[in-house]
Amino acid sequence: MRIPPFYRNSNWQRLFAGMAVGGCISWVIFLFMFGVMQERNSVIMQEQANKIHELQSDIKIWQDDYKELNEKNEEMLTIQKIKVELTNYEKYEIKDSQS
């Protein structure tokens, strides 16, 4: 049994040539569409990276302000001076009320 000689029939030649040309055209279309999608995705990723950087800098500013306010409040809450005055210092034989 032998394979029929398709190379002699012009209809088969046209079919195979059309398949080859169609494959090449479809591959070019695929590459174009893939390139457009990749470019769009890279632009979106760059915008997201810029937004993330901006938000991180905003967070840093808020954290610095929050830290500064905490330090001020802590300073205000720290006991600056203690004054003790004894009322019955004579009863306990202490020389003055300020001791």
Foldseek 3Di string as FASTA:
>chain_A
DDDDDLVVDVVSVVVVVVVVVVVVVVVVVVVVVVVVVVVVVVVVVVVVVVVVVVVVVVVVVVVVVVVVVVVVVVVVVDDDDDFFFDDPCVVVPHDHRRD
